Amino acid sequence: MIRVLVTDDEPLIRAGIRMILTSADDIEVVAEAGDGREAVELARAQRVDVALLDIQMPVMDGLTALAELRRTVPDTRVLILTTFGAQQNVLHALTEGSAGFLLKDSAPAELIRAVRAAAAGEAYLSPGATRHVVDSLASGRTAQAEQARRRLESLTERELEVLALLGEGLSNANAGQRLHMSEATVKTYVSRILTKLDCENRVQAALLARDAGLEA
């Protein structure tokens, strides 16, 4: 079972998320929190696999709670819940080690997919958002392009092809179709790329690819 902590300062939203997640036979909501500080305390006590955090919360906001969770319970994967309009917060969360983010108006099935992906050690962004977020962060980063390109010099030609598709926001399955590989093979390449580039997740690798100007 995937043990999940749900954090939002609105009880009705927490109840709705709980209802959606508990409809999946492999997910268990073991705790709920109304603010970031409570989320950190419960995550430490319950040793949850995935913590869902709203960004805007009283006492301690989601970004501060994310930093605390990464520092004190690094094995807990964190998904940020947000609304569009504050991309800088989302970008900050991703670079600080969040497993990804979901829009609050996401479909129930997407929420379940995101939790499963996070628990499996993968990063998750709402469909269609990866390119938007990456482009937002990449703008104005020309000074970092050369440094990014130097980091990519350790990759093989095939690894660069896979990384370019990560930069486009493709899933392992879609990347495999594009490159005529199995999904398992792509996953192996992704793991190797993350190790070589010293990236915590595929989102950070995608951002690095965009900084370097790598295109599929």
N, C-alpha and C. Protein backbone atom coordinates (compact mmCIF):
# COMPACT_ATOMS: atom_id res chain seq x y z
N MET A 1 0.83 -1.20 0.00
CA MET A 1 0.00 0.00 0.00
C MET A 1 0.87 1.26 0.00
N ILE A 2 0.44 2.25 -0.75
CA ILE A 2 1.11 3.54 -0.77
C ILE A 2 0.50 4.41 0.33
N ARG A 3 1.32 4.81 1.29
CA ARG A 3 0.84 5.60 2.42
C ARG A 3 0.94 7.09 2.07
N VAL A 4 -0.21 7.78 2.16
CA VAL A 4 -0.29 9.16 1.67
C VAL A 4 -0.73 10.11 2.79
N LEU A 5 -0.13 11.29 2.78
CA LEU A 5 -0.52 12.40 3.65
C LEU A 5 -1.13 13.47 2.75
N VAL A 6 -2.32 13.95 3.10
CA VAL A 6 -3.01 14.99 2.35
C VAL A 6 -2.99 16.28 3.15
N THR A 7 -2.49 17.36 2.53
CA THR A 7 -2.37 18.63 3.24
C THR A 7 -3.04 19.75 2.46
N ASP A 8 -4.03 20.37 3.08
CA ASP A 8 -4.71 21.54 2.51
C ASP A 8 -5.46 22.21 3.65
N ASP A 9 -5.52 23.54 3.63
CA ASP A 9 -6.18 24.22 4.73
C ASP A 9 -7.71 24.23 4.59
N GLU A 10 -8.22 23.68 3.50
CA GLU A 10 -9.68 23.60 3.31
C GLU A 10 -10.14 22.16 3.52
N PRO A 11 -10.93 21.92 4.57
CA PRO A 11 -11.38 20.56 4.90
C PRO A 11 -12.12 19.87 3.75
N LEU A 12 -12.91 20.62 2.99
CA LEU A 12 -13.68 20.01 1.90
C LEU A 12 -12.75 19.49 0.80
N ILE A 13 -11.69 20.24 0.52
CA ILE A 13 -10.73 19.78 -0.48
C ILE A 13 -10.01 18.52 0.01
N ARG A 14 -9.63 18.51 1.28
CA ARG A 14 -8.99 17.31 1.83
C ARG A 14 -9.92 16.11 1.74
N ALA A 15 -11.18 16.32 2.06
CA ALA A 15 -12.15 15.22 2.01
C ALA A 15 -12.30 14.69 0.59
N GLY A 16 -12.33 15.60 -0.38
CA GLY A 16 -12.46 15.17 -1.77
C GLY A 16 -11.26 14.39 -2.24
N ILE A 17 -10.07 14.85 -1.87
CA ILE A 17 -8.85 14.14 -2.25
C ILE A 17 -8.80 12.76 -1.60
N ARG A 18 -9.17 12.71 -0.32
CA ARG A 18 -9.20 11.41 0.38
C ARG A 18 -10.14 10.45 -0.33
N MET A 19 -11.32 10.92 -0.70
CA MET A 19 -12.30 10.06 -1.36
C MET A 19 -11.75 9.50 -2.67
N ILE A 20 -11.08 10.36 -3.43
CA ILE A 20 -10.52 9.92 -4.71
C ILE A 20 -9.42 8.89 -4.49
N LEU A 21 -8.50 9.18 -3.59
CA LEU A 21 -7.36 8.30 -3.40
C LEU A 21 -7.75 6.95 -2.82
N THR A 22 -8.67 6.95 -1.88
CA THR A 22 -9.07 5.68 -1.25
C THR A 22 -9.90 4.81 -2.18
N SER A 23 -10.30 5.35 -3.33
CA SER A 23 -11.00 4.51 -4.31
C SER A 23 -10.02 3.57 -5.02
N ALA A 24 -8.73 3.86 -4.91
CA ALA A 24 -7.69 2.99 -5.49
C ALA A 24 -7.31 1.93 -4.47
N ASP A 25 -7.18 0.69 -4.90
CA ASP A 25 -6.94 -0.40 -3.96
C ASP A 25 -5.50 -0.48 -3.45
N ASP A 26 -4.61 0.36 -4.01
CA ASP A 26 -3.21 0.32 -3.58
C ASP A 26 -2.78 1.60 -2.85
N ILE A 27 -3.75 2.46 -2.51
CA ILE A 27 -3.44 3.73 -1.85
C ILE A 27 -4.21 3.85 -0.55
N GLU A 28 -3.51 4.30 0.49
CA GLU A 28 -4.13 4.50 1.79
C GLU A 28 -3.78 5.90 2.30
N VAL A 29 -4.79 6.71 2.62
CA VAL A 29 -4.56 8.02 3.21
C VAL A 29 -4.44 7.82 4.72
N VAL A 30 -3.24 7.98 5.23
CA VAL A 30 -2.97 7.68 6.64
C VAL A 30 -3.02 8.92 7.53
N ALA A 31 -3.02 10.13 6.91
CA ALA A 31 -3.04 11.34 7.72
C ALA A 31 -3.49 12.53 6.88
N GLU A 32 -4.05 13.53 7.56
CA GLU A 32 -4.45 14.79 6.92
C GLU A 32 -3.92 15.94 7.76
N ALA A 33 -3.50 17.01 7.09
CA ALA A 33 -2.99 18.19 7.79
C ALA A 33 -3.62 19.44 7.20
N GLY A 34 -3.77 20.46 8.05
CA GLY A 34 -4.36 21.71 7.61
C GLY A 34 -3.36 22.81 7.37
N ASP A 35 -2.08 22.56 7.68
CA ASP A 35 -1.03 23.55 7.41
C ASP A 35 0.30 22.83 7.27
N GLY A 36 1.31 23.57 6.82
CA GLY A 36 2.60 22.96 6.54
C GLY A 36 3.29 22.39 7.75
N ARG A 37 3.21 23.08 8.88
CA ARG A 37 3.89 22.59 10.08
C ARG A 37 3.30 21.26 10.53
N GLU A 38 1.97 21.19 10.51
CA GLU A 38 1.32 19.93 10.89
C GLU A 38 1.69 18.82 9.92
N ALA A 39 1.82 19.17 8.64
CA ALA A 39 2.20 18.18 7.63
C ALA A 39 3.56 17.59 7.92
N VAL A 40 4.52 18.44 8.27
CA VAL A 40 5.87 17.97 8.57
C VAL A 40 5.85 17.05 9.79
N GLU A 41 5.11 17.43 10.83
CA GLU A 41 5.04 16.61 12.04
C GLU A 41 4.41 15.25 11.76
N LEU A 42 3.32 15.25 10.98
CA LEU A 42 2.64 13.99 10.67
C LEU A 42 3.48 13.11 9.75
N ALA A 43 4.17 13.72 8.81
CA ALA A 43 5.01 12.93 7.91
C ALA A 43 6.12 12.24 8.67
N ARG A 44 6.70 12.93 9.65
CA ARG A 44 7.73 12.33 10.48
C ARG A 44 7.17 11.18 11.29
N ALA A 45 5.98 11.38 11.86
CA ALA A 45 5.39 10.37 12.74
C ALA A 45 4.87 9.16 11.98
N GLN A 46 4.27 9.40 10.81
CA GLN A 46 3.61 8.33 10.07
C GLN A 46 4.50 7.66 9.04
N ARG A 47 5.63 8.31 8.71
CA ARG A 47 6.54 7.78 7.68
C ARG A 47 5.78 7.48 6.39
N VAL A 48 5.17 8.52 5.85
CA VAL A 48 4.36 8.35 4.64
C VAL A 48 5.24 8.21 3.41
N ASP A 49 4.69 7.59 2.38
CA ASP A 49 5.42 7.43 1.12
C ASP A 49 5.30 8.69 0.26
N VAL A 50 4.10 9.28 0.24
CA VAL A 50 3.84 10.46 -0.58
C VAL A 50 3.09 11.50 0.24
N ALA A 51 3.57 12.74 0.19
CA ALA A 51 2.88 13.85 0.85
C ALA A 51 2.36 14.81 -0.22
N LEU A 52 1.05 15.09 -0.16
CA LEU A 52 0.45 16.08 -1.05
C LEU A 52 0.40 17.40 -0.29
N LEU A 53 0.98 18.46 -0.87
CA LEU A 53 1.05 19.75 -0.19
C LEU A 53 0.45 20.85 -1.05
N ASP A 54 -0.46 21.62 -0.45
CA ASP A 54 -0.91 22.84 -1.09
C ASP A 54 0.19 23.89 -0.92
N ILE A 55 0.33 24.83 -1.85
CA ILE A 55 1.34 25.87 -1.70
C ILE A 55 0.89 26.93 -0.70
N GLN A 56 -0.34 27.41 -0.87
CA GLN A 56 -0.85 28.49 -0.02
C GLN A 56 -1.51 27.91 1.22
N MET A 57 -0.83 28.00 2.37
CA MET A 57 -1.38 27.49 3.63
C MET A 57 -0.93 28.39 4.78
N PRO A 58 -1.72 28.40 5.87
CA PRO A 58 -1.32 29.18 7.04
C PRO A 58 -0.21 28.48 7.83
N VAL A 59 0.34 29.20 8.80
CA VAL A 59 1.36 28.71 9.73
C VAL A 59 2.68 28.43 9.01
N MET A 60 2.66 27.49 8.09
CA MET A 60 3.84 27.20 7.26
C MET A 60 3.35 26.86 5.86
N ASP A 61 3.84 27.59 4.85
CA ASP A 61 3.38 27.35 3.48
C ASP A 61 3.98 26.07 2.92
N GLY A 62 3.45 25.66 1.77
CA GLY A 62 3.87 24.39 1.19
C GLY A 62 5.32 24.33 0.78
N LEU A 63 5.89 25.44 0.31
CA LEU A 63 7.28 25.44 -0.12
C LEU A 63 8.23 25.29 1.07
N THR A 64 7.90 25.94 2.19
CA THR A 64 8.71 25.79 3.40
C THR A 64 8.59 24.37 3.93
N ALA A 65 7.36 23.84 3.90
CA ALA A 65 7.15 22.46 4.35
C ALA A 65 7.91 21.48 3.47
N LEU A 66 7.95 21.74 2.16
CA LEU A 66 8.70 20.89 1.24
C LEU A 66 10.17 20.82 1.65
N ALA A 67 10.74 21.98 1.94
CA ALA A 67 12.15 22.02 2.34
C ALA A 67 12.38 21.23 3.62
N GLU A 68 11.47 21.35 4.56
CA GLU A 68 11.60 20.62 5.82
C GLU A 68 11.46 19.12 5.61
N LEU A 69 10.53 18.73 4.77
CA LEU A 69 10.35 17.30 4.50
C LEU A 69 11.56 16.72 3.79
N ARG A 70 12.13 17.45 2.83
CA ARG A 70 13.30 16.95 2.13
C ARG A 70 14.48 16.81 3.08
N ARG A 71 14.53 17.68 4.09
CA ARG A 71 15.65 17.66 5.03
C ARG A 71 15.48 16.56 6.08
N THR A 72 14.26 16.37 6.58
CA THR A 72 14.05 15.48 7.72
C THR A 72 13.55 14.08 7.35
N VAL A 73 12.76 13.97 6.29
CA VAL A 73 12.28 12.65 5.85
C VAL A 73 12.47 12.54 4.33
N PRO A 74 13.71 12.46 3.88
CA PRO A 74 14.00 12.50 2.44
C PRO A 74 13.38 11.38 1.63
N ASP A 75 12.99 10.29 2.29
CA ASP A 75 12.37 9.19 1.55
C ASP A 75 10.91 9.48 1.21
N THR A 76 10.32 10.48 1.83
CA THR A 76 8.94 10.86 1.53
C THR A 76 8.93 11.70 0.26
N ARG A 77 8.18 11.26 -0.72
CA ARG A 77 8.05 12.00 -1.98
C ARG A 77 6.96 13.06 -1.82
N VAL A 78 7.20 14.24 -2.38
CA VAL A 78 6.28 15.36 -2.20
C VAL A 78 5.69 15.79 -3.54
N LEU A 79 4.35 15.84 -3.59
CA LEU A 79 3.63 16.38 -4.74
C LEU A 79 2.99 17.70 -4.32
N ILE A 80 3.18 18.72 -5.13
CA ILE A 80 2.61 20.03 -4.83
C ILE A 80 1.27 20.18 -5.54
N LEU A 81 0.26 20.64 -4.79
CA LEU A 81 -1.05 20.96 -5.35
C LEU A 81 -1.10 22.46 -5.57
N THR A 82 -1.53 22.88 -6.75
CA THR A 82 -1.49 24.30 -7.04
C THR A 82 -2.54 24.68 -8.06
N THR A 83 -2.66 25.96 -8.29
CA THR A 83 -3.45 26.50 -9.40
C THR A 83 -2.48 27.26 -10.29
N PHE A 84 -2.77 27.35 -11.57
CA PHE A 84 -1.90 28.09 -12.46
C PHE A 84 -1.95 29.57 -12.12
N GLY A 85 -0.88 30.27 -12.39
CA GLY A 85 -0.82 31.69 -12.10
C GLY A 85 0.35 32.03 -11.21
N ALA A 86 0.97 31.00 -10.62
CA ALA A 86 2.13 31.25 -9.74
C ALA A 86 3.24 30.28 -10.13
N GLN A 87 3.64 30.34 -11.41
CA GLN A 87 4.61 29.38 -11.92
C GLN A 87 5.94 29.43 -11.19
N GLN A 88 6.33 30.61 -10.72
CA GLN A 88 7.62 30.70 -10.03
C GLN A 88 7.63 29.83 -8.79
N ASN A 89 6.49 29.76 -8.06
CA ASN A 89 6.41 28.88 -6.91
C ASN A 89 6.58 27.43 -7.33
N VAL A 90 5.94 27.07 -8.43
CA VAL A 90 6.02 25.69 -8.92
C VAL A 90 7.45 25.36 -9.33
N LEU A 91 8.09 26.27 -10.04
CA LEU A 91 9.45 26.04 -10.48
C LEU A 91 10.39 25.91 -9.29
N HIS A 92 10.17 26.73 -8.30
CA HIS A 92 10.98 26.64 -7.08
C HIS A 92 10.81 25.28 -6.43
N ALA A 93 9.56 24.81 -6.37
CA ALA A 93 9.29 23.52 -5.75
C ALA A 93 10.01 22.40 -6.49
N LEU A 94 9.99 22.44 -7.81
CA LEU A 94 10.62 21.39 -8.60
C LEU A 94 12.13 21.38 -8.41
N THR A 95 12.73 22.55 -8.40
CA THR A 95 14.18 22.60 -8.23
C THR A 95 14.60 22.25 -6.82
N GLU A 96 13.68 22.33 -5.87
CA GLU A 96 13.98 21.98 -4.48
C GLU A 96 13.73 20.51 -4.18
N GLY A 97 13.34 19.74 -5.20
CA GLY A 97 13.20 18.31 -5.00
C GLY A 97 11.80 17.77 -4.94
N SER A 98 10.80 18.58 -5.28
CA SER A 98 9.44 18.06 -5.34
C SER A 98 9.34 16.99 -6.42
N ALA A 99 8.50 15.99 -6.18
CA ALA A 99 8.29 14.95 -7.18
C ALA A 99 7.41 15.43 -8.33
N GLY A 100 6.91 16.65 -8.23
CA GLY A 100 6.09 17.20 -9.29
C GLY A 100 4.94 18.02 -8.75
N PHE A 101 4.01 18.37 -9.64
CA PHE A 101 2.86 19.12 -9.17
C PHE A 101 1.61 18.78 -9.96
N LEU A 102 0.49 19.03 -9.31
CA LEU A 102 -0.82 18.79 -9.88
C LEU A 102 -1.65 20.05 -9.77
N LEU A 103 -2.47 20.30 -10.79
CA LEU A 103 -3.43 21.38 -10.68
C LEU A 103 -4.62 20.90 -9.86
N LYS A 104 -5.21 21.80 -9.10
CA LYS A 104 -6.32 21.41 -8.23
C LYS A 104 -7.56 20.99 -9.00
N ASP A 105 -7.63 21.36 -10.28
CA ASP A 105 -8.79 20.94 -11.08
C ASP A 105 -8.48 19.69 -11.91
N SER A 106 -7.41 18.97 -11.54
CA SER A 106 -7.07 17.75 -12.26
C SER A 106 -8.15 16.69 -12.10
N ALA A 107 -8.24 15.81 -13.08
CA ALA A 107 -9.20 14.71 -13.02
C ALA A 107 -8.79 13.73 -11.93
N PRO A 108 -9.77 13.04 -11.31
CA PRO A 108 -9.46 12.07 -10.26
C PRO A 108 -8.44 11.02 -10.69
N ALA A 109 -8.57 10.51 -11.90
CA ALA A 109 -7.64 9.48 -12.36
C ALA A 109 -6.21 10.03 -12.43
N GLU A 110 -6.08 11.31 -12.75
CA GLU A 110 -4.74 11.91 -12.83
C GLU A 110 -4.10 12.00 -11.45
N LEU A 111 -4.91 12.32 -10.44
CA LEU A 111 -4.41 12.38 -9.07
C LEU A 111 -3.86 11.02 -8.64
N ILE A 112 -4.58 9.97 -8.95
CA ILE A 112 -4.13 8.62 -8.60
C ILE A 112 -2.86 8.27 -9.35
N ARG A 113 -2.79 8.61 -10.64
CA ARG A 113 -1.58 8.34 -11.42
C ARG A 113 -0.39 9.08 -10.85
N ALA A 114 -0.60 10.32 -10.43
CA ALA A 114 0.50 11.12 -9.89
C ALA A 114 1.04 10.52 -8.61
N VAL A 115 0.17 10.07 -7.72
CA VAL A 115 0.60 9.46 -6.47
C VAL A 115 1.37 8.17 -6.74
N ARG A 116 0.88 7.38 -7.64
CA ARG A 116 1.58 6.13 -7.98
C ARG A 116 2.94 6.42 -8.59
N ALA A 117 3.01 7.41 -9.47
CA ALA A 117 4.30 7.76 -10.09
C ALA A 117 5.29 8.25 -9.04
N ALA A 118 4.82 9.11 -8.15
CA ALA A 118 5.70 9.64 -7.10
C ALA A 118 6.21 8.51 -6.21
N ALA A 119 5.32 7.60 -5.82
CA ALA A 119 5.71 6.49 -4.97
C ALA A 119 6.73 5.59 -5.66
N ALA A 120 6.67 5.54 -6.99
CA ALA A 120 7.60 4.71 -7.76
C ALA A 120 8.93 5.42 -8.02
N GLY A 121 9.06 6.65 -7.50
CA GLY A 121 10.31 7.39 -7.67
C GLY A 121 10.38 8.23 -8.92
N GLU A 122 9.24 8.41 -9.59
CA GLU A 122 9.21 9.20 -10.81
C GLU A 122 8.66 10.59 -10.52
N ALA A 123 8.99 11.54 -11.37
CA ALA A 123 8.44 12.89 -11.27
C ALA A 123 7.14 12.95 -12.07
N TYR A 124 6.22 13.81 -11.64
CA TYR A 124 4.94 13.91 -12.35
C TYR A 124 4.52 15.36 -12.47
N LEU A 125 4.19 15.76 -13.69
CA LEU A 125 3.62 17.06 -13.94
C LEU A 125 2.28 16.87 -14.63
N SER A 126 1.32 17.74 -14.34
CA SER A 126 0.05 17.66 -15.03
C SER A 126 0.28 17.68 -16.54
N PRO A 127 -0.45 16.85 -17.31
CA PRO A 127 -0.24 16.79 -18.75
C PRO A 127 -0.26 18.17 -19.41
N GLY A 128 0.66 18.36 -20.31
CA GLY A 128 0.74 19.62 -21.03
C GLY A 128 1.47 20.72 -20.28
N ALA A 129 1.79 20.49 -19.01
CA ALA A 129 2.41 21.54 -18.21
C ALA A 129 3.93 21.49 -18.26
N THR A 130 4.50 20.34 -18.54
CA THR A 130 5.96 20.22 -18.51
C THR A 130 6.63 21.24 -19.42
N ARG A 131 6.20 21.31 -20.68
CA ARG A 131 6.84 22.23 -21.62
C ARG A 131 6.67 23.68 -21.16
N HIS A 132 5.46 23.98 -20.63
CA HIS A 132 5.19 25.34 -20.16
C HIS A 132 6.12 25.72 -19.01
N VAL A 133 6.25 24.84 -18.05
CA VAL A 133 7.09 25.12 -16.89
C VAL A 133 8.56 25.20 -17.28
N VAL A 134 8.99 24.25 -18.09
CA VAL A 134 10.39 24.24 -18.52
C VAL A 134 10.73 25.51 -19.29
N ASP A 135 9.85 25.91 -20.20
CA ASP A 135 10.09 27.11 -20.98
C ASP A 135 10.13 28.35 -20.10
N SER A 136 9.27 28.39 -19.09
CA SER A 136 9.24 29.54 -18.19
C SER A 136 10.56 29.68 -17.45
N LEU A 137 11.08 28.56 -16.99
CA LEU A 137 12.32 28.60 -16.25
C LEU A 137 13.52 28.84 -17.16
N ALA A 138 13.43 28.29 -18.37
CA ALA A 138 14.57 28.39 -19.28
C ALA A 138 14.78 29.80 -19.81
N SER A 139 13.71 30.60 -19.89
CA SER A 139 13.84 31.96 -20.42
C SER A 139 14.77 32.77 -19.52
N GLY A 140 15.68 33.48 -20.15
CA GLY A 140 16.60 34.30 -19.39
C GLY A 140 17.76 33.54 -18.78
N ARG A 141 17.94 32.27 -19.18
CA ARG A 141 19.00 31.47 -18.59
C ARG A 141 20.18 31.28 -19.54
N THR A 142 20.38 32.18 -20.46
CA THR A 142 21.44 31.99 -21.45
C THR A 142 22.81 31.88 -20.79
N ALA A 143 22.98 32.53 -19.64
CA ALA A 143 24.28 32.48 -18.96
C ALA A 143 24.61 31.08 -18.47
N GLN A 144 23.58 30.26 -18.29
CA GLN A 144 23.80 28.91 -17.79
C GLN A 144 23.92 27.88 -18.90
N ALA A 145 23.70 28.31 -20.13
CA ALA A 145 23.66 27.35 -21.23
C ALA A 145 24.98 26.61 -21.40
N GLU A 146 26.09 27.32 -21.34
CA GLU A 146 27.39 26.69 -21.55
C GLU A 146 27.69 25.67 -20.45
N GLN A 147 27.36 26.03 -19.22
CA GLN A 147 27.58 25.11 -18.11
C GLN A 147 26.73 23.86 -18.27
N ALA A 148 25.49 24.04 -18.72
CA ALA A 148 24.60 22.90 -18.94
C ALA A 148 25.14 22.00 -20.04
N ARG A 149 25.64 22.61 -21.11
CA ARG A 149 26.19 21.81 -22.22
C ARG A 149 27.40 21.00 -21.77
N ARG A 150 28.22 21.58 -20.89
CA ARG A 150 29.38 20.84 -20.39
C ARG A 150 28.94 19.63 -19.57
N ARG A 151 27.88 19.78 -18.80
CA ARG A 151 27.39 18.65 -18.00
C ARG A 151 26.89 17.52 -18.90
N LEU A 152 26.35 17.89 -20.05
CA LEU A 152 25.79 16.88 -20.95
C LEU A 152 26.88 16.14 -21.74
N GLU A 153 28.12 16.60 -21.65
CA GLU A 153 29.20 15.95 -22.40
C GLU A 153 29.46 14.53 -21.94
N SER A 154 29.01 14.19 -20.73
CA SER A 154 29.23 12.84 -20.22
C SER A 154 28.25 11.81 -20.79
N LEU A 155 27.22 12.29 -21.49
CA LEU A 155 26.19 11.39 -22.01
C LEU A 155 26.54 10.84 -23.38
N THR A 156 26.08 9.62 -23.65
CA THR A 156 26.23 9.03 -24.96
C THR A 156 25.20 9.65 -25.91
N GLU A 157 25.35 9.37 -27.18
CA GLU A 157 24.41 9.90 -28.18
C GLU A 157 22.99 9.42 -27.89
N ARG A 158 22.85 8.15 -27.52
CA ARG A 158 21.52 7.60 -27.24
C ARG A 158 20.92 8.25 -25.99
N GLU A 159 21.75 8.46 -24.99
CA GLU A 159 21.28 9.10 -23.76
C GLU A 159 20.83 10.53 -24.03
N LEU A 160 21.52 11.21 -24.93
CA LEU A 160 21.13 12.57 -25.30
C LEU A 160 19.77 12.56 -26.00
N GLU A 161 19.52 11.54 -26.82
CA GLU A 161 18.23 11.43 -27.49
C GLU A 161 17.11 11.25 -26.48
N VAL A 162 17.35 10.41 -25.49
CA VAL A 162 16.34 10.18 -24.45
C VAL A 162 16.14 11.45 -23.64
N LEU A 163 17.21 12.12 -23.28
CA LEU A 163 17.12 13.34 -22.50
C LEU A 163 16.35 14.43 -23.25
N ALA A 164 16.56 14.53 -24.54
CA ALA A 164 15.83 15.52 -25.34
C ALA A 164 14.33 15.30 -25.26
N LEU A 165 13.92 14.05 -25.24
CA LEU A 165 12.50 13.74 -25.15
C LEU A 165 11.96 14.03 -23.75
N LEU A 166 12.81 13.86 -22.74
CA LEU A 166 12.40 14.27 -21.39
C LEU A 166 12.13 15.77 -21.37
N GLY A 167 12.97 16.52 -22.09
CA GLY A 167 12.79 17.96 -22.16
C GLY A 167 11.48 18.36 -22.82
N GLU A 168 10.95 17.48 -23.65
CA GLU A 168 9.66 17.73 -24.28
C GLU A 168 8.51 17.31 -23.39
N GLY A 169 8.83 16.67 -22.26
CA GLY A 169 7.78 16.23 -21.35
C GLY A 169 7.18 14.88 -21.66
N LEU A 170 7.86 14.08 -22.50
CA LEU A 170 7.32 12.78 -22.86
C LEU A 170 7.48 11.78 -21.73
N SER A 171 6.52 10.90 -21.60
CA SER A 171 6.61 9.81 -20.64
C SER A 171 7.58 8.76 -21.16
N ASN A 172 7.94 7.79 -20.31
CA ASN A 172 8.83 6.71 -20.76
C ASN A 172 8.21 5.95 -21.92
N ALA A 173 6.91 5.70 -21.83
CA ALA A 173 6.22 4.94 -22.88
C ALA A 173 6.25 5.70 -24.20
N ASN A 174 5.94 7.01 -24.16
CA ASN A 174 5.93 7.80 -25.40
C ASN A 174 7.33 7.98 -25.97
N ALA A 175 8.31 8.14 -25.09
CA ALA A 175 9.69 8.24 -25.56
C ALA A 175 10.11 6.93 -26.23
N GLY A 176 9.69 5.81 -25.64
CA GLY A 176 10.01 4.52 -26.23
C GLY A 176 9.43 4.36 -27.62
N GLN A 177 8.19 4.83 -27.80
CA GLN A 177 7.57 4.76 -29.13
C GLN A 177 8.34 5.61 -30.13
N ARG A 178 8.78 6.79 -29.69
CA ARG A 178 9.51 7.68 -30.59
C ARG A 178 10.86 7.09 -30.99
N LEU A 179 11.51 6.41 -30.05
CA LEU A 179 12.86 5.89 -30.30
C LEU A 179 12.86 4.40 -30.63
N HIS A 180 11.68 3.81 -30.73
CA HIS A 180 11.56 2.38 -31.04
C HIS A 180 12.26 1.53 -29.98
N MET A 181 12.00 1.85 -28.72
CA MET A 181 12.52 1.09 -27.58
C MET A 181 11.36 0.66 -26.70
N SER A 182 11.61 -0.32 -25.86
CA SER A 182 10.61 -0.70 -24.87
C SER A 182 10.59 0.34 -23.75
N GLU A 183 9.48 0.42 -23.04
CA GLU A 183 9.37 1.36 -21.92
C GLU A 183 10.41 1.03 -20.85
N ALA A 184 10.66 -0.25 -20.63
CA ALA A 184 11.65 -0.65 -19.62
C ALA A 184 13.05 -0.18 -20.00
N THR A 185 13.38 -0.25 -21.29
CA THR A 185 14.69 0.21 -21.75
C THR A 185 14.85 1.70 -21.54
N VAL A 186 13.78 2.45 -21.85
CA VAL A 186 13.83 3.90 -21.65
C VAL A 186 14.02 4.22 -20.17
N LYS A 187 13.32 3.48 -19.32
CA LYS A 187 13.45 3.70 -17.88
C LYS A 187 14.89 3.48 -17.42
N THR A 188 15.54 2.47 -17.98
CA THR A 188 16.95 2.21 -17.65
C THR A 188 17.82 3.38 -18.09
N TYR A 189 17.57 3.89 -19.30
CA TYR A 189 18.32 5.04 -19.79
C TYR A 189 18.11 6.25 -18.89
N VAL A 190 16.86 6.48 -18.49
CA VAL A 190 16.55 7.63 -17.63
C VAL A 190 17.31 7.54 -16.31
N SER A 191 17.32 6.36 -15.71
CA SER A 191 18.05 6.18 -14.45
C SER A 191 19.54 6.47 -14.63
N ARG A 192 20.09 5.99 -15.75
CA ARG A 192 21.51 6.22 -16.03
C ARG A 192 21.79 7.71 -16.23
N ILE A 193 20.88 8.39 -16.93
CA ILE A 193 21.04 9.83 -17.17
C ILE A 193 21.01 10.61 -15.87
N LEU A 194 20.05 10.28 -15.00
CA LEU A 194 19.93 10.99 -13.72
C LEU A 194 21.20 10.82 -12.88
N THR A 195 21.78 9.61 -12.93
CA THR A 195 23.00 9.35 -12.18
C THR A 195 24.17 10.15 -12.73
N LYS A 196 24.32 10.13 -14.06
CA LYS A 196 25.44 10.84 -14.68
C LYS A 196 25.35 12.36 -14.47
N LEU A 197 24.13 12.89 -14.52
CA LEU A 197 23.96 14.33 -14.41
C LEU A 197 23.76 14.79 -12.97
N ASP A 198 23.71 13.83 -12.05
CA ASP A 198 23.49 14.14 -10.64
C ASP A 198 22.18 14.92 -10.45
N CYS A 199 21.14 14.45 -11.14
CA CYS A 199 19.81 15.04 -11.02
C CYS A 199 18.94 14.15 -10.14
N GLU A 200 18.11 14.77 -9.32
CA GLU A 200 17.27 13.99 -8.41
C GLU A 200 16.09 13.36 -9.11
N ASN A 201 15.57 14.02 -10.15
CA ASN A 201 14.42 13.47 -10.85
C ASN A 201 14.44 13.92 -12.31
N ARG A 202 13.49 13.41 -13.08
CA ARG A 202 13.47 13.66 -14.52
C ARG A 202 13.14 15.12 -14.84
N VAL A 203 12.44 15.79 -13.94
CA VAL A 203 12.12 17.20 -14.18
C VAL A 203 13.39 18.04 -14.16
N GLN A 204 14.26 17.79 -13.18
CA GLN A 204 15.53 18.51 -13.13
C GLN A 204 16.36 18.23 -14.37
N ALA A 205 16.33 16.98 -14.84
CA ALA A 205 17.06 16.63 -16.06
C ALA A 205 16.48 17.36 -17.27
N ALA A 206 15.16 17.47 -17.32
CA ALA A 206 14.51 18.18 -18.42
C ALA A 206 14.89 19.65 -18.43
N LEU A 207 14.96 20.25 -17.25
CA LEU A 207 15.36 21.65 -17.15
C LEU A 207 16.79 21.84 -17.64
N LEU A 208 17.65 20.89 -17.29
CA LEU A 208 19.05 20.95 -17.73
C LEU A 208 19.13 20.83 -19.25
N ALA A 209 18.31 19.95 -19.82
CA ALA A 209 18.29 19.79 -21.27
C ALA A 209 17.87 21.09 -21.96
N ARG A 210 16.87 21.77 -21.38
CA ARG A 210 16.41 23.02 -21.96
C ARG A 210 17.48 24.11 -21.83
N ASP A 211 18.17 24.14 -20.68
CA ASP A 211 19.24 25.12 -20.50
C ASP A 211 20.32 24.94 -21.56
N ALA A 212 20.59 23.68 -21.90
CA ALA A 212 21.65 23.38 -22.88
C ALA A 212 21.17 23.55 -24.32
N GLY A 213 19.87 23.80 -24.50
CA GLY A 213 19.33 23.95 -25.85
C GLY A 213 19.19 22.64 -26.56
N LEU A 214 19.08 21.54 -25.82
CA LEU A 214 18.97 20.21 -26.44
C LEU A 214 17.57 20.01 -26.98
N GLU A 215 17.47 19.60 -28.23
CA GLU A 215 16.18 19.38 -28.86
C GLU A 215 16.15 18.02 -29.51
N ALA A 216 14.95 17.44 -29.53
CA ALA A 216 14.78 16.11 -30.13
C ALA A 216 14.82 16.21 -31.65
